[in-house]
Amino acid sequence: DVVFVHQSGIHIINFKRMTGWIYGREQDPEWAEVQ
């Protein structure tokens, strides 16, 4: 979604426009939003 090339390094940004409760762990194949 965004590649922010900053003097501190390259930052890959995945942007999520959500309004609910967010659940997820780094190793999970899927995350969840509860509305």
Full PDB file with SEQRES, HELIX, SHEET, SSBOND, CRYST1, ORIGX, SCALE, CONECT and MASTER records, all heavy atoms in Angstrom:
SEQRES   1 A   35  ASP VAL VAL PHE VAL HIS GLN SER GLY ILE HIS ILE ILE          
SEQRES   2 A   35  ASN PHE LYS ARG MET THR GLY TRP ILE TYR GLY ARG GLU          
SEQRES   3 A   35  GLN ASP PRO GLU TRP ALA GLU VAL GLN                          
SHEET    1 AA1 2 VAL A   2  HIS A   6  0                                        
SHEET    2 AA1 2 GLY A   9  ILE A  13 -1                                        
SHEET    1 AA2 2 TRP A  21  TYR A  23  0                                        
SHEET    2 AA2 2 ALA A  32  VAL A  34 -1                                        
CRYST1    1.000    1.000    1.000  90.00  90.00  90.00 P 1           1          
ORIGX1      1.000000  0.000000  0.000000        0.00000                         
ORIGX2      0.000000  1.000000  0.000000        0.00000                         
ORIGX3      0.000000  0.000000  1.000000        0.00000                         
SCALE1      1.000000  0.000000  0.000000        0.00000                         
SCALE2      0.000000  1.000000  0.000000        0.00000                         
SCALE3      0.000000  0.000000  1.000000        0.00000                         
ATOM      1  N   ASP A   1       0.831  -1.212   0.000  1.00  0.00           N  
ATOM      2  CA  ASP A   1       0.000   0.000   0.000  1.00  0.00           C  
ATOM      3  C   ASP A   1       0.858   1.251   0.000  1.00  0.00           C  
ATOM      4  O   ASP A   1       0.600   2.200  -0.741  1.00  0.00           O  
ATOM      5  CB  ASP A   1      -0.926   0.010   1.220  1.00  0.00           C  
ATOM      6  CG  ASP A   1      -1.976  -1.079   1.163  1.00  0.00           C  
ATOM      7  OD1 ASP A   1      -2.412  -1.413   0.047  1.00  0.00           O  
ATOM      8  OD2 ASP A   1      -2.358  -1.598   2.221  1.00  0.00           O  
ATOM      9  N   VAL A   2       1.880   1.249   0.844  1.00  0.00           N  
ATOM     10  CA  VAL A   2       2.798   2.389   0.926  1.00  0.00           C  
ATOM     11  C   VAL A   2       4.217   1.870   1.129  1.00  0.00           C  
ATOM     12  O   VAL A   2       4.448   0.962   1.933  1.00  0.00           O  
ATOM     13  CB  VAL A   2       2.449   3.324   2.112  1.00  0.00           C  
ATOM     14  CG1 VAL A   2       3.412   4.515   2.159  1.00  0.00           C  
ATOM     15  CG2 VAL A   2       1.017   3.807   2.032  1.00  0.00           C  
ATOM     16  N   VAL A   3       5.156   2.422   0.373  1.00  0.00           N  
ATOM     17  CA  VAL A   3       6.572   2.218   0.652  1.00  0.00           C  
ATOM     18  C   VAL A   3       7.129   3.573   1.079  1.00  0.00           C  
ATOM     19  O   VAL A   3       7.161   4.518   0.292  1.00  0.00           O  
ATOM     20  CB  VAL A   3       7.337   1.674  -0.568  1.00  0.00           C  
ATOM     21  CG1 VAL A   3       8.825   1.507  -0.221  1.00  0.00           C  
ATOM     22  CG2 VAL A   3       6.757   0.343  -1.021  1.00  0.00           C  
ATOM     23  N   PHE A   4       7.506   3.665   2.331  1.00  0.00           N  
ATOM     24  CA  PHE A   4       8.014   4.910   2.910  1.00  0.00           C  
ATOM     25  C   PHE A   4       9.518   4.767   3.031  1.00  0.00           C  
ATOM     26  O   PHE A   4      10.030   4.066   3.900  1.00  0.00           O  
ATOM     27  CB  PHE A   4       7.369   5.152   4.278  1.00  0.00           C  
ATOM     28  CG  PHE A   4       7.662   6.496   4.876  1.00  0.00           C  
ATOM     29  CD1 PHE A   4       7.211   7.658   4.281  1.00  0.00           C  
ATOM     30  CD2 PHE A   4       8.383   6.585   6.057  1.00  0.00           C  
ATOM     31  CE1 PHE A   4       7.475   8.901   4.855  1.00  0.00           C  
ATOM     32  CE2 PHE A   4       8.644   7.818   6.638  1.00  0.00           C  
ATOM     33  CZ  PHE A   4       8.193   8.976   6.037  1.00  0.00           C  
ATOM     34  N   VAL A   5      10.237   5.421   2.109  1.00  0.00           N  
ATOM     35  CA  VAL A   5      11.698   5.325   2.076  1.00  0.00           C  
ATOM     36  C   VAL A   5      12.253   6.472   2.914  1.00  0.00           C  
ATOM     37  O   VAL A   5      12.311   7.620   2.472  1.00  0.00           O  
ATOM     38  CB  VAL A   5      12.228   5.384   0.634  1.00  0.00           C  
ATOM     39  CG1 VAL A   5      13.719   5.049   0.606  1.00  0.00           C  
ATOM     40  CG2 VAL A   5      11.458   4.432  -0.272  1.00  0.00           C  
ATOM     41  N   HIS A   6      12.654   6.155   4.117  1.00  0.00           N  
ATOM     42  CA  HIS A   6      13.089   7.147   5.100  1.00  0.00           C  
ATOM     43  C   HIS A   6      14.580   6.967   5.373  1.00  0.00           C  
ATOM     44  O   HIS A   6      15.147   5.911   5.086  1.00  0.00           O  
ATOM     45  CB  HIS A   6      12.273   6.957   6.388  1.00  0.00           C  
ATOM     46  CG  HIS A   6      12.503   7.984   7.443  1.00  0.00           C  
ATOM     47  ND1 HIS A   6      13.250   7.723   8.573  1.00  0.00           N  
ATOM     48  CD2 HIS A   6      12.106   9.274   7.540  1.00  0.00           C  
ATOM     49  CE1 HIS A   6      13.282   8.807   9.338  1.00  0.00           C  
ATOM     50  NE2 HIS A   6      12.605   9.761   8.728  1.00  0.00           N  
ATOM     51  N   GLN A   7      15.207   7.996   5.919  1.00  0.00           N  
ATOM     52  CA  GLN A   7      16.632   7.903   6.222  1.00  0.00           C  
ATOM     53  C   GLN A   7      16.943   6.786   7.228  1.00  0.00           C  
ATOM     54  O   GLN A   7      18.074   6.291   7.299  1.00  0.00           O  
ATOM     55  CB  GLN A   7      17.153   9.232   6.757  1.00  0.00           C  
ATOM     56  CG  GLN A   7      16.531   9.675   8.059  1.00  0.00           C  
ATOM     57  CD  GLN A   7      16.995  11.065   8.469  1.00  0.00           C  
ATOM     58  OE1 GLN A   7      17.222  11.931   7.627  1.00  0.00           O  
ATOM     59  NE2 GLN A   7      17.150  11.276   9.770  1.00  0.00           N  
ATOM     60  N   SER A   8      15.932   6.340   7.975  1.00  0.00           N  
ATOM     61  CA  SER A   8      16.127   5.242   8.929  1.00  0.00           C  
ATOM     62  C   SER A   8      15.995   3.870   8.285  1.00  0.00           C  
ATOM     63  O   SER A   8      16.287   2.853   8.915  1.00  0.00           O  
ATOM     64  CB  SER A   8      15.116   5.362  10.080  1.00  0.00           C  
ATOM     65  OG  SER A   8      13.787   5.253   9.584  1.00  0.00           O  
ATOM     66  N   GLY A   9      15.529   3.816   7.027  1.00  0.00           N  
ATOM     67  CA  GLY A   9      15.364   2.544   6.335  1.00  0.00           C  
ATOM     68  C   GLY A   9      14.125   2.547   5.454  1.00  0.00           C  
ATOM     69  O   GLY A   9      13.475   3.578   5.258  1.00  0.00           O  
ATOM     70  N   ILE A  10      13.793   1.372   4.928  1.00  0.00           N  
ATOM     71  CA  ILE A  10      12.624   1.221   4.069  1.00  0.00           C  
ATOM     72  C   ILE A  10      11.487   0.644   4.907  1.00  0.00           C  
ATOM     73  O   ILE A  10      11.648  -0.373   5.580  1.00  0.00           O  
ATOM     74  CB  ILE A  10      12.927   0.294   2.882  1.00  0.00           C  
ATOM     75  CG1 ILE A  10      14.101   0.840   2.070  1.00  0.00           C  
ATOM     76  CG2 ILE A  10      11.702   0.125   1.997  1.00  0.00           C  
ATOM     77  CD1 ILE A  10      14.597  -0.108   0.998  1.00  0.00           C  
ATOM     78  N   HIS A  11      10.330   1.303   4.845  1.00  0.00           N  
ATOM     79  CA  HIS A  11       9.189   0.897   5.658  1.00  0.00           C  
ATOM     80  C   HIS A  11       8.042   0.475   4.735  1.00  0.00           C  
ATOM     81  O   HIS A  11       7.526   1.294   3.964  1.00  0.00           O  
ATOM     82  CB  HIS A  11       8.754   2.038   6.567  1.00  0.00           C  
ATOM     83  CG  HIS A  11       9.853   2.542   7.454  1.00  0.00           C  
ATOM     84  ND1 HIS A  11       9.993   2.141   8.767  1.00  0.00           N  
ATOM     85  CD2 HIS A  11      10.883   3.385   7.204  1.00  0.00           C  
ATOM     86  CE1 HIS A  11      11.053   2.733   9.293  1.00  0.00           C  
ATOM     87  NE2 HIS A  11      11.608   3.492   8.367  1.00  0.00           N  
ATOM     88  N   ILE A  12       7.675  -0.798   4.812  1.00  0.00           N  
ATOM     89  CA  ILE A  12       6.564  -1.329   4.025  1.00  0.00           C  
ATOM     90  C   ILE A  12       5.300  -1.206   4.879  1.00  0.00           C  
ATOM     91  O   ILE A  12       5.213  -1.790   5.967  1.00  0.00           O  
ATOM     92  CB  ILE A  12       6.795  -2.804   3.653  1.00  0.00           C  
ATOM     93  CG1 ILE A  12       8.156  -2.975   2.973  1.00  0.00           C  
ATOM     94  CG2 ILE A  12       5.664  -3.306   2.753  1.00  0.00           C  
ATOM     95  CD1 ILE A  12       8.330  -2.165   1.709  1.00  0.00           C  
ATOM     96  N   ILE A  13       4.318  -0.449   4.387  1.00  0.00           N  
ATOM     97  CA  ILE A  13       3.111  -0.176   5.168  1.00  0.00           C  
ATOM     98  C   ILE A  13       1.900  -0.830   4.518  1.00  0.00           C  
ATOM     99  O   ILE A  13       1.581  -0.569   3.362  1.00  0.00           O  
ATOM    100  CB  ILE A  13       2.868   1.339   5.305  1.00  0.00           C  
ATOM    101  CG1 ILE A  13       4.053   2.008   6.022  1.00  0.00           C  
ATOM    102  CG2 ILE A  13       1.567   1.613   6.054  1.00  0.00           C  
ATOM    103  CD1 ILE A  13       3.939   3.517   6.112  1.00  0.00           C  
ATOM    104  N   ASN A  14       1.250  -1.691   5.278  1.00  0.00           N  
ATOM    105  CA  ASN A  14      -0.008  -2.314   4.879  1.00  0.00           C  
ATOM    106  C   ASN A  14      -1.112  -1.567   5.615  1.00  0.00           C  
ATOM    107  O   ASN A  14      -1.183  -1.608   6.845  1.00  0.00           O  
ATOM    108  CB  ASN A  14       0.011  -3.802   5.260  1.00  0.00           C  
ATOM    109  CG  ASN A  14      -1.085  -4.599   4.584  1.00  0.00           C  
ATOM    110  OD1 ASN A  14      -2.208  -4.119   4.456  1.00  0.00           O  
ATOM    111  ND2 ASN A  14      -0.772  -5.820   4.171  1.00  0.00           N  
ATOM    112  N   PHE A  15      -1.958  -0.864   4.878  1.00  0.00           N  
ATOM    113  CA  PHE A  15      -2.960   0.013   5.492  1.00  0.00           C  
ATOM    114  C   PHE A  15      -4.327  -0.652   5.535  1.00  0.00           C  
ATOM    115  O   PHE A  15      -4.803  -1.177   4.535  1.00  0.00           O  
ATOM    116  CB  PHE A  15      -3.050   1.326   4.714  1.00  0.00           C  
ATOM    117  CG  PHE A  15      -4.067   2.287   5.264  1.00  0.00           C  
ATOM    118  CD1 PHE A  15      -4.057   2.653   6.595  1.00  0.00           C  
ATOM    119  CD2 PHE A  15      -5.053   2.816   4.439  1.00  0.00           C  
ATOM    120  CE1 PHE A  15      -5.007   3.534   7.103  1.00  0.00           C  
ATOM    121  CE2 PHE A  15      -6.004   3.706   4.931  1.00  0.00           C  
ATOM    122  CZ  PHE A  15      -5.981   4.059   6.270  1.00  0.00           C  
ATOM    123  N   LYS A  16      -4.956  -0.618   6.719  1.00  0.00           N  
ATOM    124  CA  LYS A  16      -6.274  -1.218   6.902  1.00  0.00           C  
ATOM    125  C   LYS A  16      -7.250  -0.158   7.414  1.00  0.00           C  
ATOM    126  O   LYS A  16      -7.055   0.391   8.497  1.00  0.00           O  
ATOM    127  CB  LYS A  16      -6.217  -2.381   7.903  1.00  0.00           C  
ATOM    128  CG  LYS A  16      -5.323  -3.539   7.468  1.00  0.00           C  
ATOM    129  CD  LYS A  16      -5.851  -4.190   6.196  1.00  0.00           C  
ATOM    130  CE  LYS A  16      -4.970  -5.354   5.761  1.00  0.00           C  
ATOM    131  NZ  LYS A  16      -5.415  -5.926   4.473  1.00  0.00           N  
ATOM    132  N   ARG A  17      -8.290   0.110   6.639  1.00  0.00           N  
ATOM    133  CA  ARG A  17      -9.321   1.065   7.061  1.00  0.00           C  
ATOM    134  C   ARG A  17     -10.454   0.272   7.706  1.00  0.00           C  
ATOM    135  O   ARG A  17     -11.356  -0.219   7.048  1.00  0.00           O  
ATOM    136  CB  ARG A  17      -9.826   1.874   5.862  1.00  0.00           C  
ATOM    137  CG  ARG A  17     -10.803   2.987   6.240  1.00  0.00           C  
ATOM    138  CD  ARG A  17     -11.141   3.834   5.029  1.00  0.00           C  
ATOM    139  NE  ARG A  17     -11.889   3.104   4.021  1.00  0.00           N  
ATOM    140  CZ  ARG A  17     -13.215   2.965   4.007  1.00  0.00           C  
ATOM    141  NH1 ARG A  17     -13.942   3.498   4.975  1.00  0.00           N  
ATOM    142  NH2 ARG A  17     -13.805   2.298   3.045  1.00  0.00           N  
ATOM    143  N   MET A  18     -10.363   0.147   9.033  1.00  0.00           N  
ATOM    144  CA  MET A  18     -11.333  -0.650   9.773  1.00  0.00           C  
ATOM    145  C   MET A  18     -11.791   0.103  11.014  1.00  0.00           C  
ATOM    146  O   MET A  18     -11.081   0.985  11.529  1.00  0.00           O  
ATOM    147  CB  MET A  18     -10.734  -2.011  10.162  1.00  0.00           C  
ATOM    148  CG  MET A  18     -10.410  -2.884   8.961  1.00  0.00           C  
ATOM    149  SD  MET A  18      -9.753  -4.499   9.418  1.00  0.00           S  
ATOM    150  CE  MET A  18      -9.625  -5.268   7.797  1.00  0.00           C  
ATOM    151  N   THR A  19     -12.970  -0.272  11.524  1.00  0.00           N  
ATOM    152  CA  THR A  19     -13.554   0.468  12.638  1.00  0.00           C  
ATOM    153  C   THR A  19     -13.865  -0.406  13.850  1.00  0.00           C  
ATOM    154  O   THR A  19     -14.282   0.109  14.885  1.00  0.00           O  
ATOM    155  CB  THR A  19     -14.862   1.161  12.196  1.00  0.00           C  
ATOM    156  OG1 THR A  19     -15.775   0.169  11.705  1.00  0.00           O  
ATOM    157  CG2 THR A  19     -14.591   2.183  11.094  1.00  0.00           C  
ATOM    158  N   GLY A  20     -13.689  -1.715  13.735  1.00  0.00           N  
ATOM    159  CA  GLY A  20     -14.084  -2.618  14.813  1.00  0.00           C  
ATOM    160  C   GLY A  20     -12.960  -2.969  15.761  1.00  0.00           C  
ATOM    161  O   GLY A  20     -11.942  -2.280  15.851  1.00  0.00           O  
ATOM    162  N   TRP A  21     -13.133  -4.077  16.472  1.00  0.00           N  
ATOM    163  CA  TRP A  21     -12.120  -4.616  17.366  1.00  0.00           C  
ATOM    164  C   TRP A  21     -11.212  -5.537  16.543  1.00  0.00           C  
ATOM    165  O   TRP A  21     -11.693  -6.411  15.818  1.00  0.00           O  
ATOM    166  CB  TRP A  21     -12.754  -5.401  18.498  1.00  0.00           C  
ATOM    167  CG  TRP A  21     -13.564  -4.566  19.448  1.00  0.00           C  
ATOM    168  CD1 TRP A  21     -13.652  -3.204  19.476  1.00  0.00           C  
ATOM    169  CD2 TRP A  21     -14.415  -5.042  20.493  1.00  0.00           C  
ATOM    170  NE1 TRP A  21     -14.498  -2.792  20.483  1.00  0.00           N  
ATOM    171  CE2 TRP A  21     -14.983  -3.904  21.137  1.00  0.00           C  
ATOM    172  CE3 TRP A  21     -14.761  -6.307  20.966  1.00  0.00           C  
ATOM    173  CZ2 TRP A  21     -15.861  -4.008  22.202  1.00  0.00           C  
ATOM    174  CZ3 TRP A  21     -15.636  -6.406  22.043  1.00  0.00           C  
ATOM    175  CH2 TRP A  21     -16.173  -5.274  22.647  1.00  0.00           C  
ATOM    176  N   ILE A  22      -9.911  -5.367  16.688  1.00  0.00           N  
ATOM    177  CA  ILE A  22      -8.947  -6.125  15.880  1.00  0.00           C  
ATOM    178  C   ILE A  22      -8.282  -7.208  16.723  1.00  0.00           C  
ATOM    179  O   ILE A  22      -7.790  -6.941  17.827  1.00  0.00           O  
ATOM    180  CB  ILE A  22      -7.873  -5.189  15.290  1.00  0.00           C  
ATOM    181  CG1 ILE A  22      -8.524  -4.012  14.542  1.00  0.00           C  
ATOM    182  CG2 ILE A  22      -6.946  -5.977  14.361  1.00  0.00           C  
ATOM    183  CD1 ILE A  22      -9.432  -4.412  13.403  1.00  0.00           C  
ATOM    184  N   TYR A  23      -8.286  -8.431  16.169  1.00  0.00           N  
ATOM    185  CA  TYR A  23      -7.634  -9.568  16.808  1.00  0.00           C  
ATOM    186  C   TYR A  23      -6.658 -10.196  15.811  1.00  0.00           C  
ATOM    187  O   TYR A  23      -7.007 -10.402  14.649  1.00  0.00           O  
ATOM    188  CB  TYR A  23      -8.655 -10.628  17.215  1.00  0.00           C  
ATOM    189  CG  TYR A  23      -9.637 -10.198  18.275  1.00  0.00           C  
ATOM    190  CD1 TYR A  23     -10.790  -9.481  17.927  1.00  0.00           C  
ATOM    191  CD2 TYR A  23      -9.433 -10.512  19.615  1.00  0.00           C  
ATOM    192  CE1 TYR A  23     -11.705  -9.087  18.902  1.00  0.00           C  
ATOM    193  CE2 TYR A  23     -10.347 -10.133  20.593  1.00  0.00           C  
ATOM    194  CZ  TYR A  23     -11.475  -9.419  20.230  1.00  0.00           C  
ATOM    195  OH  TYR A  23     -12.372  -9.024  21.184  1.00  0.00           O  
ATOM    196  N   GLY A  24      -5.446 -10.529  16.265  1.00  0.00           N  
ATOM    197  CA  GLY A  24      -4.516 -11.202  15.373  1.00  0.00           C  
ATOM    198  C   GLY A  24      -3.154 -11.418  16.012  1.00  0.00           C  
ATOM    199  O   GLY A  24      -2.702 -10.592  16.801  1.00  0.00           O  
ATOM    200  N   ARG A  25      -2.523 -12.522  15.650  1.00  0.00           N  
ATOM    201  CA  ARG A  25      -1.159 -12.812  16.082  1.00  0.00           C  
ATOM    202  C   ARG A  25      -0.270 -12.899  14.839  1.00  0.00           C  
ATOM    203  O   ARG A  25      -0.743 -13.215  13.744  1.00  0.00           O  
ATOM    204  CB  ARG A  25      -1.097 -14.122  16.863  1.00  0.00           C  
ATOM    205  CG  ARG A  25      -1.911 -14.103  18.160  1.00  0.00           C  
ATOM    206  CD  ARG A  25      -1.777 -15.436  18.879  1.00  0.00           C  
ATOM    207  NE  ARG A  25      -2.234 -16.541  18.041  1.00  0.00           N  
ATOM    208  CZ  ARG A  25      -2.084 -17.832  18.364  1.00  0.00           C  
ATOM    209  NH1 ARG A  25      -1.480 -18.160  19.495  1.00  0.00           N  
ATOM    210  NH2 ARG A  25      -2.531 -18.773  17.562  1.00  0.00           N  
ATOM    211  N   GLU A  26       0.987 -12.637  15.036  1.00  0.00           N  
ATOM    212  CA  GLU A  26       1.917 -12.580  13.899  1.00  0.00           C  
ATOM    213  C   GLU A  26       1.919 -13.872  13.097  1.00  0.00           C  
ATOM    214  O   GLU A  26       2.058 -13.847  11.865  1.00  0.00           O  
ATOM    215  CB  GLU A  26       3.321 -12.270  14.419  1.00  0.00           C  
ATOM    216  CG  GLU A  26       4.344 -12.042  13.335  1.00  0.00           C  
ATOM    217  CD  GLU A  26       5.681 -11.622  13.885  1.00  0.00           C  
ATOM    218  OE1 GLU A  26       5.776 -11.337  15.099  1.00  0.00           O  
ATOM    219  OE2 GLU A  26       6.651 -11.586  13.094  1.00  0.00           O  
ATOM    220  N   GLN A  27       1.773 -15.013  13.762  1.00  0.00           N  
ATOM    221  CA  GLN A  27       1.853 -16.307  13.078  1.00  0.00           C  
ATOM    222  C   GLN A  27       0.528 -16.795  12.508  1.00  0.00           C  
ATOM    223  O   GLN A  27       0.482 -17.785  11.774  1.00  0.00           O  
ATOM    224  CB  GLN A  27       2.415 -17.370  14.038  1.00  0.00           C  
ATOM    225  CG  GLN A  27       1.492 -17.702  15.214  1.00  0.00           C  
ATOM    226  CD  GLN A  27       1.712 -16.818  16.422  1.00  0.00           C  
ATOM    227  OE1 GLN A  27       2.178 -15.690  16.292  1.00  0.00           O  
ATOM    228  NE2 GLN A  27       1.402 -17.358  17.606  1.00  0.00           N  
ATOM    229  N   ASP A  28      -0.580 -16.134  12.817  1.00  0.00           N  
ATOM    230  CA  ASP A  28      -1.892 -16.583  12.332  1.00  0.00           C  
ATOM    231  C   ASP A  28      -2.052 -16.311  10.833  1.00  0.00           C  
ATOM    232  O   ASP A  28      -1.682 -15.241  10.351  1.00  0.00           O  
ATOM    233  CB  ASP A  28      -3.017 -15.856  13.073  1.00  0.00           C  
ATOM    234  CG  ASP A  28      -3.091 -16.239  14.542  1.00  0.00           C  
ATOM    235  OD1 ASP A  28      -2.606 -17.334  14.888  1.00  0.00           O  
ATOM    236  OD2 ASP A  28      -3.635 -15.440  15.338  1.00  0.00           O  
ATOM    237  N   PRO A  29      -2.627 -17.250  10.075  1.00  0.00           N  
ATOM    238  CA  PRO A  29      -2.859 -17.002   8.647  1.00  0.00           C  
ATOM    239  C   PRO A  29      -3.921 -15.930   8.395  1.00  0.00           C  
ATOM    240  O   PRO A  29      -3.895 -15.251   7.380  1.00  0.00           O  
ATOM    241  CB  PRO A  29      -3.325 -18.359   8.108  1.00  0.00           C  
ATOM    242  CG  PRO A  29      -3.840 -19.089   9.312  1.00  0.00           C  
ATOM    243  CD  PRO A  29      -3.016 -18.616  10.475  1.00  0.00           C  
ATOM    244  N   GLU A  30      -4.863 -15.794   9.351  1.00  0.00           N  
ATOM    245  CA  GLU A  30      -5.918 -14.786   9.215  1.00  0.00           C  
ATOM    246  C   GLU A  30      -6.056 -13.980  10.497  1.00  0.00           C  
ATOM    247  O   GLU A  30      -5.802 -14.481  11.598  1.00  0.00           O  
ATOM    248  CB  GLU A  30      -7.269 -15.444   8.893  1.00  0.00           C  
ATOM    249  CG  GLU A  30      -7.354 -16.061   7.520  1.00  0.00           C  
ATOM    250  CD  GLU A  30      -8.742 -16.620   7.242  1.00  0.00           C  
ATOM    251  OE1 GLU A  30      -9.369 -17.147   8.190  1.00  0.00           O  
ATOM    252  OE2 GLU A  30      -9.187 -16.539   6.086  1.00  0.00           O  
ATOM    253  N   TRP A  31      -6.452 -12.719  10.346  1.00  0.00           N  
ATOM    254  CA  TRP A  31      -6.810 -11.875  11.472  1.00  0.00           C  
ATOM    255  C   TRP A  31      -8.315 -11.626  11.409  1.00  0.00           C  
ATOM    256  O   TRP A  31      -8.974 -12.030  10.451  1.00  0.00           O  
ATOM    257  CB  TRP A  31      -6.037 -10.552  11.417  1.00  0.00           C  
ATOM    258  CG  TRP A  31      -4.591 -10.694  11.805  1.00  0.00           C  
ATOM    259  CD1 TRP A  31      -3.883 -11.850  11.914  1.00  0.00           C  
ATOM    260  CD2 TRP A  31      -3.689  -9.637  12.134  1.00  0.00           C  
ATOM    261  NE1 TRP A  31      -2.592 -11.593  12.283  1.00  0.00           N  
ATOM    262  CE2 TRP A  31      -2.444 -10.243  12.427  1.00  0.00           C  
ATOM    263  CE3 TRP A  31      -3.802  -8.255  12.192  1.00  0.00           C  
ATOM    264  CZ2 TRP A  31      -1.328  -9.492  12.780  1.00  0.00           C  
ATOM    265  CZ3 TRP A  31      -2.691  -7.510  12.561  1.00  0.00           C  
ATOM    266  CH2 TRP A  31      -1.479  -8.118  12.850  1.00  0.00           C  
ATOM    267  N   ALA A  32      -8.836 -10.972  12.433  1.00  0.00           N  
ATOM    268  CA  ALA A  32     -10.279 -10.765  12.470  1.00  0.00           C  
ATOM    269  C   ALA A  32     -10.628  -9.377  12.987  1.00  0.00           C  
ATOM    270  O   ALA A  32      -9.943  -8.818  13.848  1.00  0.00           O  
ATOM    271  CB  ALA A  32     -10.951 -11.826  13.345  1.00  0.00           C  
ATOM    272  N   GLU A  33     -11.705  -8.845  12.430  1.00  0.00           N  
ATOM    273  CA  GLU A  33     -12.303  -7.598  12.909  1.00  0.00           C  
ATOM    274  C   GLU A  33     -13.708  -7.930  13.397  1.00  0.00           C  
ATOM    275  O   GLU A  33     -14.501  -8.530  12.663  1.00  0.00           O  
ATOM    276  CB  GLU A  33     -12.371  -6.562  11.785  1.00  0.00           C  
ATOM    277  CG  GLU A  33     -13.095  -5.283  12.195  1.00  0.00           C  
ATOM    278  CD  GLU A  33     -13.498  -4.431  10.995  1.00  0.00           C  
ATOM    279  OE1 GLU A  33     -13.628  -4.995   9.882  1.00  0.00           O  
ATOM    280  OE2 GLU A  33     -13.703  -3.223  11.178  1.00  0.00           O  
ATOM    281  N   VAL A  34     -14.001  -7.567  14.641  1.00  0.00           N  
ATOM    282  CA  VAL A  34     -15.336  -7.766  15.193  1.00  0.00           C  
ATOM    283  C   VAL A  34     -16.027  -6.416  15.259  1.00  0.00           C  
ATOM    284  O   VAL A  34     -15.543  -5.486  15.911  1.00  0.00           O  
ATOM    285  CB  VAL A  34     -15.283  -8.412  16.592  1.00  0.00           C  
ATOM    286  CG1 VAL A  34     -16.699  -8.578  17.148  1.00  0.00           C  
ATOM    287  CG2 VAL A  34     -14.572  -9.756  16.537  1.00  0.00           C  
ATOM    288  N   GLN A  35     -17.158  -6.315  14.589  1.00  0.00           N  
ATOM    289  CA  GLN A  35     -17.904  -5.065  14.550  1.00  0.00           C  
ATOM    290  C   GLN A  35     -19.130  -5.137  15.454  1.00  0.00           C  
ATOM    291  O   GLN A  35     -19.314  -6.079  16.210  1.00  0.00           O  
ATOM    292  CB  GLN A  35     -18.295  -4.748  13.099  1.00  0.00           C  
ATOM    293  CG  GLN A  35     -17.096  -4.472  12.200  1.00  0.00           C  
ATOM    294  CD  GLN A  35     -17.514  -4.157  10.783  1.00  0.00           C  
ATOM    295  OE1 GLN A  35     -18.437  -4.737  10.244  1.00  0.00           O  
ATOM    296  NE2 GLN A  35     -16.827  -3.202  10.175  1.00  0.00           N  
TER     297      GLN A  35                                                      
MASTER        0    0    0    0    4    0    0    6  296    1    0    3          
END                                                                             
